[in-house]
Protein backbone atom coordinates (compact mmCIF):
# COMPACT_ATOMS: atom_id res chain seq x y z
CA MET A 1 -0.88 15.37 10.26
CA LEU A 2 2.03 15.70 7.92
CA LYS A 3 5.60 14.52 8.13
CA THR A 4 8.70 14.52 6.02
CA ILE A 5 9.09 11.26 4.15
CA ALA A 6 11.53 9.53 1.89
CA LYS A 7 11.23 9.80 -1.87
CA ALA A 8 9.93 6.62 -3.49
CA GLY A 9 11.38 5.06 -6.59
CA LEU A 10 10.73 2.08 -8.78
CA CYS A 11 13.15 -0.63 -9.83
CA ALA A 12 12.05 -3.75 -11.70
CA GLY A 13 8.46 -3.42 -10.49
CA VAL A 14 9.45 -3.13 -6.83
CA ILE A 15 8.62 0.07 -5.01
CA PHE A 16 11.49 1.19 -2.78
CA LEU A 17 12.26 4.21 -0.66
CA SER A 18 15.42 6.29 -0.83
CA PRO A 19 16.44 9.29 1.28
CA LEU A 20 15.28 12.63 0.00
CA GLY A 21 17.72 15.53 -0.10
CA ALA A 22 17.04 19.13 0.80
CA ALA A 23 13.76 19.28 -1.15
CA ALA A 24 11.67 17.25 1.28
CA GLN A 25 8.01 16.66 0.47
CA THR A 26 5.18 16.42 2.97
CA ALA A 27 2.84 13.48 2.94
CA PRO A 28 0.11 12.02 5.11
CA ASP A 29 1.44 10.63 8.37
CA ILE A 30 0.23 7.07 7.96
CA ASP A 31 1.34 4.56 10.58
CA PHE A 32 1.60 1.42 8.44
CA SER A 33 2.72 -0.72 11.40
CA GLY A 34 -0.27 0.56 13.35
CA LEU A 35 -2.58 -0.27 10.46
CA LEU A 36 -1.30 -3.85 10.37
CA ALA A 37 -1.65 -4.18 14.14
CA ASN A 38 -5.19 -2.81 13.86
CA CYS A 39 -6.01 -5.33 11.14
CA GLN A 40 -4.67 -8.17 13.27
CA SER A 41 -6.56 -7.10 16.39
CA ASP A 42 -9.77 -6.05 14.63
CA PRO A 43 -10.15 -8.04 11.40
CA LEU A 44 -13.67 -6.77 10.79
CA GLY A 45 -12.46 -3.15 10.82
CA CYS A 46 -9.39 -3.81 8.68
CA SER A 47 -10.86 -2.99 5.29
CA ALA A 48 -12.38 0.26 6.58
CA ALA A 49 -9.06 1.32 8.15
CA LEU A 50 -7.15 0.60 4.93
CA ASN A 51 -9.75 2.43 2.84
CA ALA A 52 -9.46 5.44 5.16
CA ALA A 53 -5.68 5.46 4.68
CA LEU A 54 -6.17 5.14 0.91
CA ALA A 55 -8.55 8.11 0.96
CA GLU A 56 -5.95 10.14 2.86
CA ILE A 57 -3.30 9.29 0.25
CA LYS A 58 -5.68 10.16 -2.60
CA LEU A 59 -6.41 13.51 -0.96
CA ALA A 60 -2.70 14.36 -0.88
CA GLN A 61 -2.06 12.94 -4.36
CA ALA A 62 -2.42 16.27 -6.17
CA THR A 63 0.29 17.95 -4.08
CA LEU A 64 2.90 15.18 -4.08
CA PRO A 65 5.16 13.76 -6.77
CA PRO A 66 3.78 10.53 -8.24
CA SER A 67 6.80 8.59 -6.97
CA VAL A 68 6.03 9.57 -3.37
CA VAL A 69 2.36 8.64 -3.75
CA ASP A 70 3.36 5.32 -5.32
CA GLY A 71 5.64 4.61 -2.35
CA LEU A 72 2.79 5.20 0.08
CA LEU A 73 0.47 3.05 -2.00
CA GLY A 74 3.06 0.26 -2.15
CA SER A 75 3.30 0.28 1.63
CA LEU A 76 -0.47 0.25 1.96
CA ALA A 77 -0.75 -2.69 -0.46
CA THR A 78 1.89 -4.52 1.55
CA VAL A 79 -0.14 -4.05 4.73
CA ALA A 80 -3.27 -5.32 2.96
CA VAL A 81 -1.53 -8.47 1.74
CA ALA A 82 0.13 -9.08 5.12
CA ALA A 83 -3.25 -8.74 6.83
CA ALA A 84 -4.79 -11.20 4.37
CA GLN A 85 -1.94 -13.61 5.06
CA THR A 86 -2.70 -13.55 8.80
CA GLU A 87 -6.49 -13.53 8.40
CA PRO A 88 -7.42 -15.45 5.23
CA THR A 89 -11.15 -14.80 5.70
CA LEU A 90 -10.48 -11.17 4.76
CA GLY A 91 -9.19 -12.08 1.30
CA ALA A 92 -12.12 -10.79 -0.71
CA ALA A 93 -12.40 -7.47 1.13
CA LEU A 94 -8.67 -6.84 1.11
CA GLY A 95 -8.43 -7.88 -2.52
CA ASP A 96 -10.87 -5.05 -3.25
CA VAL A 97 -8.66 -2.60 -1.35
CA ILE A 98 -5.61 -3.73 -3.34
CA ALA A 99 -7.60 -3.39 -6.57
CA ASP A 100 -8.42 0.21 -5.62
CA ILE A 101 -4.74 0.82 -4.93
CA SER A 102 -3.83 -0.64 -8.32
CA GLU A 103 -6.09 1.93 -9.97
CA THR A 104 -4.50 4.79 -8.01
CA VAL A 105 -0.78 4.20 -8.68
CA SER A 106 0.75 6.32 -11.41
CA GLU A 107 0.96 4.90 -14.90
CA GLU A 108 4.68 5.72 -14.92
CA SER A 109 5.28 3.27 -12.08
CA GLY A 110 4.26 0.30 -14.19
CA VAL A 111 2.97 -1.58 -11.14
CA GLY A 112 -0.77 -1.05 -11.53
CA GLU A 113 -1.22 -4.25 -13.53
CA GLN A 114 0.92 -6.24 -11.09
CA LEU A 115 -1.11 -4.96 -8.15
CA ALA A 116 -4.33 -5.88 -9.98
CA GLU A 117 -3.02 -9.43 -10.35
CA ILE A 118 -2.10 -9.51 -6.66
CA ALA A 119 -5.60 -8.24 -5.82
CA GLU A 120 -7.13 -11.16 -7.73
CA GLN A 121 -4.77 -13.59 -6.02
CA VAL A 122 -5.62 -12.26 -2.55
CA SER A 123 -9.35 -12.25 -3.33
CA SER A 124 -9.19 -15.91 -4.34
CA GLY A 125 -7.47 -16.92 -1.10
CA GLY A 126 -3.89 -16.98 -2.38
CA ALA A 127 -2.43 -14.25 -0.15
CA ASP A 128 0.11 -16.66 1.32
CA GLU A 129 1.69 -17.05 -2.12
CA VAL A 130 2.41 -13.29 -2.47
CA ASP A 131 5.99 -12.24 -1.79
CA LEU A 132 5.75 -9.00 0.18
CA THR A 133 9.12 -7.80 -1.11
CA GLU A 134 7.62 -7.72 -4.61
CA ILE A 135 5.18 -4.97 -3.65
CA GLY A 136 6.93 -2.88 -1.07
CA GLY A 137 8.68 -4.98 1.54
CA SER A 138 7.88 -5.26 5.18
CA PRO A 139 4.51 -3.89 6.25
CA ALA A 140 6.32 -2.29 9.20
């Protein structure tokens, strides 16, 4: 499943999306709202669902501009943090997912280290202290 998506950019460590002109890129069709709903309804399957989405992004990584991949990863990290905020018992598992995301973002984005810090914070039970707008905005 592929769809046309917006081009991602980076401003002050915040991943944001902006409309893409005529040169649209294709990316995995990941339903981030659906992932969050899945995590809320099936906490035990949350980590596996997020890891599957991460694998899909990694598979497409070679054919997409780094900024687009980083945008997808920012949205996925946002879902992981939001899920940890609603289900604190998932902190350690979701912290691991965020750590994997931090290792996948492009070096040019400059957010890998910030995501690694967020991963540690989520793993230690501090997900509620993470501002979702700092990593990608609304999980929806």
